Amino acid sequence: MPATLPSTEFETQGVLTPVYHVVLLDDDDHTVEYVVEMLQRLFLVSRDAAHVHALEVHHNSRSIVLTAELPVASFARDQIQGYGADWRVKACKGSMSAILEPAAGDPRGMGGGGTAA
């Protein structure tokens, strides 16, 4: 009778990490040029892609600029909020605002998938 060897196979159960949208919020203190400049510098996106987000935030009061796992999304939000004032607007006192939202409906199971700005 042959000896029975222990199984070398094992099952892994994939656990998906939740992802979050980084949502840029509109205000009256920053220009479209500021938004384009900020997104290009922080997220290394093309001028055209940054301009699309700038127009979206202007017209819809918000734009999802990134979808990522929590540590990356938090860092991106903090970068936006720490970018500084728009030198083009004398009354501007600080950075734009951004929030995190759970990305519901993602093909991975959590939210609306996205890419950097």
C-alpha atoms as a PDB file:
ATOM      1  CA  MET A   1       0.000   0.000   0.000  1.00  0.00           C
ATOM      2  CA  PRO A   2       1.478   3.410  -0.986  1.00  0.00           C
ATOM      3  CA  ALA A   3       2.098   5.952   1.715  1.00  0.00           C
ATOM      4  CA  THR A   4      -0.215   8.921   1.741  1.00  0.00           C
ATOM      5  CA  LEU A   5       1.611  12.194   1.414  1.00  0.00           C
ATOM      6  CA  PRO A   6       0.310  15.333   3.012  1.00  0.00           C
ATOM      7  CA  SER A   7      -1.384  17.613   0.578  1.00  0.00           C
ATOM      8  CA  THR A   8       0.730  20.461  -0.713  1.00  0.00           C
ATOM      9  CA  GLU A   9      -2.292  22.233  -2.072  1.00  0.00           C
ATOM     10  CA  PHE A  10      -3.993  24.905  -0.087  1.00  0.00           C
ATOM     11  CA  GLU A  11      -6.904  27.192  -0.619  1.00  0.00           C
ATOM     12  CA  THR A  12      -6.593  30.905  -0.422  1.00  0.00           C
ATOM     13  CA  GLN A  13      -9.546  33.083  -0.041  1.00  0.00           C
ATOM     14  CA  GLY A  14      -9.046  36.456  -1.696  1.00  0.00           C
ATOM     15  CA  VAL A  15      -9.899  39.370   0.486  1.00  0.00           C
ATOM     16  CA  LEU A  16     -10.404  42.578  -1.411  1.00  0.00           C
ATOM     17  CA  THR A  17      -9.232  45.779   0.182  1.00  0.00           C
ATOM     18  CA  PRO A  18     -11.831  48.552   0.097  1.00  0.00           C
ATOM     19  CA  VAL A  19     -11.079  51.474  -2.184  1.00  0.00           C
ATOM     20  CA  TYR A  20     -12.006  55.122  -1.801  1.00  0.00           C
ATOM     21  CA  HIS A  21     -12.648  58.028  -4.136  1.00  0.00           C
ATOM     22  CA  VAL A  22     -10.668  61.210  -3.589  1.00  0.00           C
ATOM     23  CA  VAL A  23     -13.255  63.885  -4.358  1.00  0.00           C
ATOM     24  CA  LEU A  24     -12.077  67.409  -5.129  1.00  0.00           C
ATOM     25  CA  LEU A  25     -14.646  69.978  -3.958  1.00  0.00           C
ATOM     26  CA  ASP A  26     -15.402  73.266  -5.694  1.00  0.00           C
ATOM     27  CA  ASP A  27     -15.151  76.697  -4.158  1.00  0.00           C
ATOM     28  CA  ASP A  28     -15.049  80.285  -5.378  1.00  0.00           C
ATOM     29  CA  ASP A  29     -11.454  80.924  -4.303  1.00  0.00           C
ATOM     30  CA  HIS A  30      -9.514  78.943  -6.909  1.00  0.00           C
ATOM     31  CA  THR A  31      -9.187  79.326 -10.664  1.00  0.00           C
ATOM     32  CA  VAL A  32      -9.417  76.618 -13.299  1.00  0.00           C
ATOM     33  CA  GLU A  33      -5.716  77.259 -13.940  1.00  0.00           C
ATOM     34  CA  TYR A  34      -4.952  76.499 -10.287  1.00  0.00           C
ATOM     35  CA  VAL A  35      -6.814  73.179 -10.448  1.00  0.00           C
ATOM     36  CA  VAL A  36      -5.018  72.194 -13.659  1.00  0.00           C
ATOM     37  CA  GLU A  37      -1.620  73.121 -12.215  1.00  0.00           C
ATOM     38  CA  MET A  38      -2.291  71.330  -8.913  1.00  0.00           C
ATOM     39  CA  LEU A  39      -3.506  68.099 -10.525  1.00  0.00           C
ATOM     40  CA  GLN A  40      -0.607  68.021 -12.962  1.00  0.00           C
ATOM     41  CA  ARG A  41       1.950  68.476 -10.189  1.00  0.00           C
ATOM     42  CA  LEU A  42       0.383  66.175  -7.609  1.00  0.00           C
ATOM     43  CA  PHE A  43      -0.923  63.379  -9.839  1.00  0.00           C
ATOM     44  CA  LEU A  44       1.344  63.705 -12.885  1.00  0.00           C
ATOM     45  CA  VAL A  45      -1.571  63.778 -15.319  1.00  0.00           C
ATOM     46  CA  SER A  46      -1.731  65.473 -18.689  1.00  0.00           C
ATOM     47  CA  ARG A  47      -2.913  69.039 -19.012  1.00  0.00           C
ATOM     48  CA  ASP A  48      -5.983  67.795 -20.891  1.00  0.00           C
ATOM     49  CA  ALA A  49      -6.932  65.293 -18.164  1.00  0.00           C
ATOM     50  CA  ALA A  50      -6.414  67.923 -15.455  1.00  0.00           C
ATOM     51  CA  HIS A  51      -8.528  70.404 -17.431  1.00  0.00           C
ATOM     52  CA  VAL A  52     -11.390  67.883 -17.648  1.00  0.00           C
ATOM     53  CA  HIS A  53     -11.358  67.582 -13.838  1.00  0.00           C
ATOM     54  CA  ALA A  54     -11.146  71.366 -13.429  1.00  0.00           C
ATOM     55  CA  LEU A  55     -14.238  71.852 -15.579  1.00  0.00           C
ATOM     56  CA  GLU A  56     -16.052  69.003 -13.846  1.00  0.00           C
ATOM     57  CA  VAL A  57     -15.419  70.426 -10.382  1.00  0.00           C
ATOM     58  CA  HIS A  58     -16.477  73.875 -11.611  1.00  0.00           C
ATOM     59  CA  HIS A  59     -19.741  72.678 -13.163  1.00  0.00           C
ATOM     60  CA  ASN A  60     -20.654  69.820 -10.782  1.00  0.00           C
ATOM     61  CA  SER A  61     -19.081  71.136  -7.555  1.00  0.00           C
ATOM     62  CA  ARG A  62     -16.992  67.952  -7.304  1.00  0.00           C
ATOM     63  CA  SER A  63     -14.725  65.660  -9.280  1.00  0.00           C
ATOM     64  CA  ILE A  64     -13.318  62.237  -8.448  1.00  0.00           C
ATOM     65  CA  VAL A  65      -9.611  62.665  -9.088  1.00  0.00           C
ATOM     66  CA  LEU A  66      -8.384  59.294  -7.813  1.00  0.00           C
ATOM     67  CA  THR A  67      -9.699  55.948  -6.615  1.00  0.00           C
ATOM     68  CA  ALA A  68      -7.330  53.951  -4.436  1.00  0.00           C
ATOM     69  CA  GLU A  69      -6.889  51.989  -1.230  1.00  0.00           C
ATOM     70  CA  LEU A  70      -7.225  54.035   1.952  1.00  0.00           C
ATOM     71  CA  PRO A  71      -3.551  54.896   2.619  1.00  0.00           C
ATOM     72  CA  VAL A  72      -3.005  56.169  -0.936  1.00  0.00           C
ATOM     73  CA  ALA A  73      -6.360  57.960  -1.044  1.00  0.00           C
ATOM     74  CA  SER A  74      -5.669  59.638   2.313  1.00  0.00           C
ATOM     75  CA  PHE A  75      -2.245  60.767   1.146  1.00  0.00           C
ATOM     76  CA  ALA A  76      -3.730  62.184  -2.081  1.00  0.00           C
ATOM     77  CA  ARG A  77      -6.417  64.078  -0.142  1.00  0.00           C
ATOM     78  CA  ASP A  78      -3.796  65.491   2.214  1.00  0.00           C
ATOM     79  CA  GLN A  79      -1.656  66.602  -0.739  1.00  0.00           C
ATOM     80  CA  ILE A  80      -4.596  68.489  -2.245  1.00  0.00           C
ATOM     81  CA  GLN A  81      -5.430  70.128   1.078  1.00  0.00           C
ATOM     82  CA  GLY A  82      -1.820  71.110   1.610  1.00  0.00           C
ATOM     83  CA  TYR A  83      -1.111  72.452  -1.871  1.00  0.00           C
ATOM     84  CA  GLY A  84      -1.533  76.107  -0.907  1.00  0.00           C
ATOM     85  CA  ALA A  85      -3.399  79.181  -2.009  1.00  0.00           C
ATOM     86  CA  ASP A  86      -4.080  80.258  -5.578  1.00  0.00           C
ATOM     87  CA  TRP A  87      -1.683  83.139  -6.169  1.00  0.00           C
ATOM     88  CA  ARG A  88      -3.966  84.344  -9.005  1.00  0.00           C
ATOM     89  CA  VAL A  89      -6.762  85.221  -6.548  1.00  0.00           C
ATOM     90  CA  LYS A  90      -5.870  87.896  -4.012  1.00  0.00           C
ATOM     91  CA  ALA A  91      -8.605  86.839  -1.573  1.00  0.00           C
ATOM     92  CA  CYS A  92      -7.604  83.149  -1.669  1.00  0.00           C
ATOM     93  CA  LYS A  93      -6.360  82.073   1.744  1.00  0.00           C
ATOM     94  CA  GLY A  94      -5.572  78.397   1.294  1.00  0.00           C
ATOM     95  CA  SER A  95      -5.845  75.118  -0.539  1.00  0.00           C
ATOM     96  CA  MET A  96      -8.872  73.476  -2.064  1.00  0.00           C
ATOM     97  CA  SER A  97     -10.821  70.883  -0.117  1.00  0.00           C
ATOM     98  CA  ALA A  98     -11.057  67.189  -0.844  1.00  0.00           C
ATOM     99  CA  ILE A  99     -12.892  64.357   0.851  1.00  0.00           C
ATOM    100  CA  LEU A 100     -12.792  60.573   0.777  1.00  0.00           C
ATOM    101  CA  GLU A 101     -15.836  58.491  -0.093  1.00  0.00           C
ATOM    102  CA  PRO A 102     -16.166  54.716  -0.194  1.00  0.00           C
ATOM    103  CA  ALA A 103     -16.144  53.715  -3.846  1.00  0.00           C
ATOM    104  CA  ALA A 104     -19.387  51.713  -3.988  1.00  0.00           C
ATOM    105  CA  GLY A 105     -19.924  49.536  -7.053  1.00  0.00           C
ATOM    106  CA  ASP A 106     -16.266  48.813  -7.885  1.00  0.00           C
ATOM    107  CA  PRO A 107     -15.724  45.802 -10.148  1.00  0.00           C
ATOM    108  CA  ARG A 108     -13.394  44.509  -7.403  1.00  0.00           C
ATOM    109  CA  GLY A 109     -16.348  44.596  -5.055  1.00  0.00           C
ATOM    110  CA  MET A 110     -16.069  48.033  -3.433  1.00  0.00           C
ATOM    111  CA  GLY A 111     -16.339  50.978  -5.730  1.00  0.00           C
ATOM    112  CA  GLY A 112     -16.411  52.776  -9.044  1.00  0.00           C
ATOM    113  CA  GLY A 113     -12.874  52.112 -10.190  1.00  0.00           C
ATOM    114  CA  GLY A 114     -10.908  55.053 -11.384  1.00  0.00           C
ATOM    115  CA  THR A 115      -7.588  56.347 -12.328  1.00  0.00           C
ATOM    116  CA  ALA A 116      -5.533  59.272 -11.312  1.00  0.00           C
ATOM    117  CA  ALA A 117      -6.935  62.561 -12.441  1.00  0.00           C
END
